[in-house]
Amino acid sequence: MAKRNRSTDQQKIEKRLKEGRGEGRRSDYQPWLRIQDVPSQGLASRVKGWKTAREHHLMSNLETGYLFVLDWSQSVLDIREQFPLLPLEETQQIAEQCGFIHPTDPQTQQSVVMTTDFLITLKQSDREVEQARAIKPAADLQSQRTLEKLEIERRYWEYRSIDWGIVTEQEMPKTFIENLKWLRSCYWLEDLAPLNQGDITRIETVLTPQILQGKLALTRITNACDDQLGLSPGTSLSIVRHLIANRRWHVDLSQRIQPSKTLKLLSTPSASLHQEIGGVG
């Protein structure tokens, strides 16, 4: 099915402004572009954010991976994707100063509102700071036209004294992101329905001593827990993912988590308690 008309004219810009696109913080933020607004090659996705508890609109696998990294970072407070560089006249002026052609809609030839892939709010010491990041495949940086657009973007943020940078797949920790991807769908308690917090704690209590021993593969332990507690197959493994995603269990995410192998826990509240009562030999 064809996507909706993507031509961007002044009327569409005004409509998005009235809708509050590009405004709000955390759960109230509305990205300037949604995935239905732009052409894609099947790589666009909507992902519920851990930090914002809202749906993020991501235009590529690289953007999705970067969101995973930001969501995990304890210094990140807010994530705003597809952030508009407004007013339009400012980026037009920057383009003119640089001798570049401002990005236009191919159908109407009218200037489009440029966007930054991510505007990030972080906590540094006792203050909040913002960083802007463009996410690009390294190969795209060989294109002169891409570099021109990025230069417009860089100057826009420089005028605002906001740190701006480019992130490519070369800066993305692949294994780390793959682990986070594995955890994503088990972060929220609602993802584990009909289980409640009490159920999770009960399952955690059964799993912890076995995993701490480091003798059996993770799936052997979780399958046995499912059988012992009369749970649906895969339930205990989902709880493991939930506990790691919520930092109740600490593991080295730079090492690939393989359920068919042992899982090394660096620390868990349950582990400390279990050791105190002599449960670990």
Foldseek 3Di string as FASTA:
>chain_A
DQFDDQADDPVNVVVLVVVVALDDWQQPHHHSDAQSNDDAPPAWDWAQAPQRRHTDTGRHPQLVLVSLVLSQDPFWRTKHANHWLPDPVLLVVLCVVVVHDADHGPVPRHHDTHGFGIWIWGDDDHDIAIATEHEDAPVCVVDPNVVSNVVSVVVSVVVVVHHYYYDHVVNRLVQLSVLSVVLRQLADPVSLPPDDPVNLVVLCLQQPQVLQVQDAAQQVSQQVSCVVVVHDPPNSVSSVSNCPNVVQWDAPSSDHRDSRHRGHTPDHPSNVVCVVVPNHD
